[in-house]
Structures are given as structure tokens and as C-alpha cells.
Protein backbone atom coordinates (compact mmCIF):
# COMPACT_ATOMS: atom_id res chain seq x y z
CA MET A 1 131.72 82.23 88.46
CA GLU A 2 135.20 84.01 87.19
CA VAL A 3 136.63 86.96 89.27
CA GLU A 4 140.12 87.32 88.91
CA ARG A 5 139.17 90.50 86.22
CA TYR A 6 137.40 92.32 89.01
CA SER A 7 138.97 94.23 91.64
CA GLY A 8 136.64 94.69 94.11
CA ILE A 9 132.83 92.08 94.70
CA ILE A 10 130.26 94.06 95.89
CA PHE A 11 127.27 92.07 97.46
CA ASP A 12 123.33 92.74 99.01
CA LEU A 13 122.82 91.17 102.71
CA PHE A 14 119.33 89.75 103.33
CA GLY A 15 119.11 87.37 100.42
CA THR A 16 122.99 86.93 99.66
CA LEU A 17 125.47 87.23 102.27
CA VAL A 18 122.36 85.90 104.78
CA PRO A 19 118.88 84.06 103.68
CA ALA A 20 116.13 86.12 102.48
CA TYR A 21 114.67 88.07 105.49
CA ARG A 22 110.75 86.47 106.16
CA HIS A 23 109.34 90.14 106.29
CA ARG A 24 105.77 88.53 107.06
CA GLU A 25 106.23 86.74 110.35
CA VAL A 26 107.77 89.23 112.20
CA LEU A 27 105.64 91.77 111.56
CA MET A 28 102.82 89.06 112.02
CA LYS A 29 104.12 89.58 115.70
CA MET A 30 105.10 93.28 115.64
CA ALA A 31 101.11 93.70 115.19
CA ALA A 32 100.60 91.14 117.56
CA GLU A 33 102.49 93.23 120.44
CA LEU A 34 101.24 96.94 119.00
CA ARG A 35 97.25 94.69 118.90
CA LEU A 36 96.49 96.16 115.01
CA ASP A 37 95.10 94.56 112.30
CA THR A 38 97.58 92.97 109.86
CA GLU A 39 96.81 93.35 106.75
CA MET A 40 96.76 97.10 107.49
CA PHE A 41 99.74 97.11 109.38
CA ILE A 42 102.25 95.07 106.94
CA PRO A 43 101.77 97.77 103.74
CA ALA A 44 101.78 100.53 106.23
CA PHE A 45 105.62 98.93 107.55
CA ALA A 46 106.87 97.41 104.96
CA GLU A 47 106.23 100.15 101.80
CA GLU A 48 104.27 102.75 102.66
CA THR A 49 106.85 104.71 105.58
CA ARG A 50 109.92 101.37 104.36
CA ASP A 51 111.93 104.98 102.11
CA ALA A 52 112.06 106.93 106.29
CA ARG A 53 112.83 104.07 108.02
CA GLU A 54 115.24 102.83 105.58
CA THR A 55 117.75 106.08 104.87
CA GLY A 56 117.83 107.13 108.34
CA GLN A 57 114.64 109.94 108.38
CA ILE A 58 112.37 108.40 112.10
CA THR A 59 113.66 105.81 113.75
CA LEU A 60 111.78 102.38 114.69
CA SER A 61 110.28 103.70 117.71
CA ASP A 62 108.74 106.76 115.73
CA ASN A 63 108.06 105.23 113.04
CA LEU A 64 105.59 102.75 114.92
CA ARG A 65 103.80 105.08 116.83
CA ALA A 66 102.79 107.49 113.66
CA ILE A 67 101.79 103.60 111.39
CA CYS A 68 99.30 103.55 115.32
CA ALA A 69 98.26 107.14 114.81
CA SER A 70 98.02 106.62 111.48
CA LEU A 71 96.05 103.89 112.02
CA GLY A 72 93.93 104.92 114.70
CA ALA A 73 95.34 102.99 117.43
CA THR A 74 96.27 103.69 120.73
CA VAL A 75 99.30 102.01 122.27
CA GLY A 76 101.64 102.72 124.78
CA GLU A 77 105.87 103.50 125.01
CA ALA A 78 105.80 99.74 126.90
CA GLU A 79 103.82 97.74 123.69
CA ILE A 80 106.36 99.74 121.21
CA ALA A 81 109.55 99.33 123.09
CA ARG A 82 108.28 95.51 123.05
CA ALA A 83 107.68 96.06 118.89
CA VAL A 84 111.29 96.74 118.30
CA THR A 85 112.39 94.47 120.92
CA ILE A 86 111.12 91.46 118.76
CA ARG A 87 112.89 93.40 114.89
CA ARG A 88 116.33 93.70 116.62
CA ASP A 89 115.58 90.45 118.29
CA PHE A 90 114.36 88.70 114.79
CA THR A 91 117.22 90.54 112.87
CA ILE A 92 119.98 89.39 115.02
CA GLN A 93 119.00 85.87 114.02
CA ALA A 94 118.59 86.65 110.65
CA LEU A 95 122.00 87.80 110.09
CA SER A 96 123.56 84.43 110.98
CA PRO A 97 125.30 83.47 107.75
CA ARG A 98 123.83 80.93 105.10
CA HIS A 99 126.22 78.02 105.34
CA GLY A 100 129.74 77.75 103.30
CA THR A 101 129.52 82.41 103.20
CA VAL A 102 132.17 82.52 106.28
CA GLU A 103 134.72 80.71 103.11
CA ALA A 104 133.67 81.69 100.14
CA LEU A 105 134.55 85.49 101.61
CA THR A 106 137.60 83.53 103.56
CA ARG A 107 139.30 82.47 99.86
CA LEU A 108 137.85 85.80 97.94
CA ARG A 109 140.08 87.44 100.69
CA ASP A 110 142.80 85.65 100.70
CA ARG A 111 142.79 85.59 97.02
CA GLY A 112 143.38 89.42 97.35
CA LEU A 113 139.66 91.11 95.99
CA ALA A 114 138.76 94.33 97.65
CA LEU A 115 134.79 92.94 99.79
CA ALA A 116 131.59 95.83 99.75
CA LEU A 117 128.08 95.11 101.56
CA ILE A 118 125.46 97.22 100.09
CA SER A 119 122.13 96.75 102.78
CA ASP A 120 118.91 98.96 101.93
CA CYS A 121 118.37 98.25 106.48
CA CYS A 122 116.82 100.17 108.60
CA GLU A 123 119.12 100.94 112.45
CA ALA A 124 118.10 97.64 113.79
CA VAL A 125 121.03 95.39 111.62
CA SER A 126 123.14 99.31 112.20
CA GLU A 127 123.19 99.13 115.95
CA VAL A 128 124.26 95.37 115.83
CA TRP A 129 126.29 95.20 112.13
CA LYS A 130 129.44 95.33 113.72
CA SER A 131 129.18 92.34 116.00
CA VAL A 132 127.40 90.69 113.65
CA PRO A 133 130.28 87.37 112.28
CA ILE A 134 130.94 87.98 108.92
CA ALA A 135 131.20 91.69 109.20
CA SER A 136 135.27 90.95 109.88
CA TYR A 137 135.05 89.75 106.81
CA ILE A 138 133.99 93.06 104.60
CA ASP A 139 135.74 95.57 104.08
CA ALA A 140 133.52 98.64 103.49
CA SER A 141 130.04 98.17 105.16
CA ILE A 142 127.10 100.59 102.92
CA LEU A 143 124.19 100.66 105.00
CA SER A 144 121.33 103.03 103.48
CA CYS A 145 120.60 104.03 106.50
CA ARG A 146 123.64 105.39 107.69
CA VAL A 147 123.90 107.25 104.40
CA GLY A 148 120.83 108.01 103.76
CA VAL A 149 119.55 106.55 100.36
CA ARG A 150 119.01 103.68 99.16
CA LYS A 151 119.48 101.29 96.37
CA PRO A 152 119.32 101.23 93.33
CA ASP A 153 120.39 104.59 93.45
CA LEU A 154 123.69 105.28 92.16
CA ARG A 155 124.86 107.19 95.20
CA ILE A 156 124.81 103.97 97.81
CA TYR A 157 127.15 102.82 94.73
CA ARG A 158 129.14 104.39 94.76
CA LEU A 159 129.68 105.33 97.58
CA ALA A 160 130.67 101.26 97.75
CA CYS A 161 133.32 102.00 95.94
CA ASP A 162 134.76 104.87 96.55
CA ALA A 163 135.12 102.93 100.44
CA LEU A 164 137.28 100.32 98.64
CA GLY A 165 138.95 103.03 96.45
CA LEU A 166 138.09 101.26 93.08
CA THR A 167 136.46 102.66 90.00
CA ALA A 168 132.36 100.84 89.00
CA SER A 169 134.54 98.82 86.54
CA THR A 170 136.15 96.87 88.53
CA CYS A 171 134.04 95.36 90.23
CA LEU A 172 131.06 93.36 90.73
CA TYR A 173 128.04 93.06 92.36
CA ILE A 174 126.15 90.67 93.14
CA GLY A 175 122.52 90.24 95.29
CA ASP A 176 119.56 88.29 94.97
CA GLY A 177 117.66 90.85 93.09
CA GLY A 178 116.22 92.67 94.87
CA SER A 179 114.96 97.12 95.34
CA HIS A 180 116.40 96.38 91.28
CA GLU A 181 119.67 96.17 92.77
CA LEU A 182 121.42 94.40 90.05
CA THR A 183 119.42 97.61 86.79
CA GLY A 184 121.46 99.97 89.46
CA ALA A 185 124.25 98.38 89.67
CA GLN A 186 124.75 98.03 85.57
CA ARG A 187 123.48 101.75 85.75
CA ALA A 188 126.54 102.38 87.94
CA GLY A 189 128.67 100.77 85.79
CA MET A 190 129.12 97.30 87.30
CA ASP A 191 129.64 94.07 85.87
CA ALA A 192 125.93 92.39 88.49
CA ALA A 193 125.41 88.95 89.20
CA LEU A 194 121.85 87.43 90.28
CA PHE A 195 121.99 85.06 92.86
CA SER A 196 119.24 82.41 93.04
CA VAL A 197 118.89 79.93 95.71
CA PRO A 198 116.56 77.36 94.35
CA GLU A 199 114.10 76.37 97.49
CA GLU A 200 114.04 81.02 97.53
CA SER A 201 113.24 81.92 93.76
CA GLY A 202 110.12 82.40 94.16
CA HIS A 203 108.11 84.93 93.53
CA ASP A 204 108.54 87.81 95.11
CA PRO A 205 107.92 91.24 95.00
CA TYR A 206 110.79 92.19 96.73
CA ARG A 207 112.97 90.64 94.13
CA PRO A 208 112.31 92.84 91.18
CA ASP A 209 115.55 92.17 89.54
CA ALA A 210 115.52 88.19 89.83
CA ALA A 211 112.53 87.24 87.36
CA GLY A 212 113.55 86.97 83.70
CA TRP A 213 117.33 88.36 85.12
CA PRO A 214 119.19 88.07 81.29
CA GLY A 215 123.11 88.58 83.43
CA PRO A 216 125.50 85.65 85.05
CA VAL A 217 123.25 84.00 87.83
CA ILE A 218 124.95 81.87 90.63
CA HIS A 219 123.50 79.53 92.98
CA SER A 220 126.58 78.88 95.68
CA LEU A 221 128.90 82.12 97.02
CA GLY A 222 131.64 78.90 96.44
CA GLU A 223 130.91 79.36 92.60
CA LEU A 224 133.12 83.02 92.78
CA GLY A 225 136.55 81.49 91.42
CA PRO A 226 138.32 78.32 91.71
CA PRO A 227 139.24 77.10 95.34
CA ASN A 228 142.28 77.35 96.20
């Protein structure tokens, strides 16, 4: 995909620069630690309380305490702490860049493009982000839990553009289609491209923009511009 006409590229994180976050796997482990029914815990965490957690309105620990209380479970602080650790450890593992990410980011920066990232995430990502290998290749990292808004709120895209010192029309947004991020980027004035890896491209309710996306699609970050 030709990128020379852009001044900046703004990436999604999970499902794009790093593999898709396998929510159910980690949530099942957290539910087991809290002795909660998995089918009750997962929607409470992944859907009902996601916005508050990912906009920094509630800490991960308080989020889990509130869910336990709403489900009528009495859970000790030791169990809460272990569930938080499960989530954080899994997050650290999940932040390993997918194959070719570092090389692609290096090439794009060498070509003079400014690079930003927008991620809907909770404190588990924010706390470790600076130590993540790919963080040093990103000029501006906009994490929802820090800025108080999530995709597709137009403000989060504007924050990324402002951090790069660029206008939206000069930026390309790339993501796997989660959280209506691609249509949100377009409404913010950017061009947008879907990142779709065949083995990760099955139906996913967390990727509403992926189904039937009419715009450009890339299957590898190596497709972004010709190699040096």
C-alpha cells in the first residue's frame, strides 16, 4: 500500500501491531481465581464494565470487586490480587509484537513518517507500556485509560494528530476493525485501512468494522510502502 502521500500513520495495538488479545482465555482464568461462573463473569467484565475500566474511571482491582459484589460473591483481597496479576501477566505476554512489526515500523520511520498509536485499554497496558519493545518506535501513544475516551470518539483521533503535530487529512489509520475504529477514523478526517490476518479474520463481535469493509485492506505491515 502506498504511504508516501501521508505524513503520519496511526496504528491500533491489539490485532494490529501485536496479535489479537484472546479475551476468553484470560477471563476464564480470572473467573476461576475469583470462583465466579465464567458465563456470568465474562460479559460483566468484557462488555458491561469495559468502558469505565478503559476510560480510567475505575481501577482493575475496583472493577473486579464491583463485579464480585454484583454477582453476590464474597471474595477476599488475595483472590482479587491474584486475578489482577493474571490479567497483567497475560497482558505483558500479549504485547509481544507480531512478526515483522519492528522491521515495518523502523522502515516507516526511516522514510520520515511520524507514527502514533491509539489503543482502547486499561491500566494493565498503561503500567507496562514504556517497557514494551515496540513503544520506542512510536512517537505518540494515546491510551484510552489515560485520556478518558475510547474509539470511535473523535477526540481520541484528534489527540493522536495533535501529538504528532499533523492534521487528520495527512494521516492514515490502520487497525483490525475493533470498536468501530476505522469508520471513526474516517469521520475524524483520516484515510483508513483494515489490517486483516487470514488466521485471525473469523467472525469477531469485537471487530465490527472488519465485516464487509469497503476500503483498502492489508494483510501484513510489510505492505506499507516499498522496502528501502
